[in-house]
Amino acid sequence: MASAAGAGKSLFQGLRKFLKKPWEITGPCASPEYRSALPGALEYREKCPATVRDDRDKAIVPTSDPETVYDIKYFVRDRRRNRPPVRRTLLRKPDLERYMAAKQFDPTKDFPVPYVNTAVEEDYDAVGGGYQK
């Protein structure tokens, strides 16, 4: 029984050399010098900041003047929202009556000038009505 388990294990180890995960076939993981950047379970965060008790192992928090720190908020740099406010005018009836009394209507200035303002002259004496025969 033990020999069958050993044979199965050695067969599995042999197949493991030839059967690779798709990301190990090409790319940076395929190199024999590749080493995974993920730390092991015992290497990762040996001292957790919440479990540090004494002053010599206190976490160092970087600080700086607020004027020298770059503001990463988007809405501060968004130029579409940095427009002057829209000016709104509230018109009341006395204001409109005063505007209409001051308004002078002139048909020659208030209406647009027509595009064609001259008649087209046609030559009725043309031979063949203007077409050559």
Foldseek 3Di string as FASTA:
>chain_A
DVVVVVVVVVVVVVVDVVDDDPVCVDDPNVDPPDDDPDDDPCPPCVDDQVPDDDDVPHDDDDDDDPVPDDDPDDVVVDVVVVDDDDDDDDDDDVNVVVVVVPDDDDVVPPDDDDPDDDDDDDDPPDPPRVDDD
